[in-house]
């Protein structure tokens, strides 16, 4: 599978509540601790508390079909910004939906937050873990495919190269 370089500065026009693309952080230095995914709508877990990491992959149990997937992102999460930049750079905004969930539940769209919670529950029966973003959700099964940023970025590259996702210029 070929790798597509994603520019560091890209604006996602369909998701207007994200900060300007100039705020997209660069990759962490080698050996540096990776940034934590944003926790949406729930308090930060105590130190040492396990966080559920889902690592499903498109092409391995999830077929590459346009309009099948939805991304849940947060504007204050560096990983979400990287995923949003990749979505725009690969031209997938019309094929993969994106929902921005602010960390402040007082401003959060209750319907979107509830939909993300249902997707986590569908991924693990009676899910009571932490909801994190970015999260890639399969809208057909209603479950989270992945909340692992590197896997989501690889899946977006896979979709961007897939014939079903190519647009005619």
Foldseek 3Di string as FASTA:
>chain_A
DDDDDFDQADDQVVDPVAPHSVPQDDDDDVPDDDDDFDFAPDDDDDPPDDADWAQAADVRVNDLAFQQKEWEAENVGNLRSVLSSLCVRLVNCRRYHYDYAYRPVVPGDVVVVVLQVQQCCLVPPPDDGTRGDGWMGGNVSSHTRGRDSVRSSVRSRVSSPDPNRDDDD
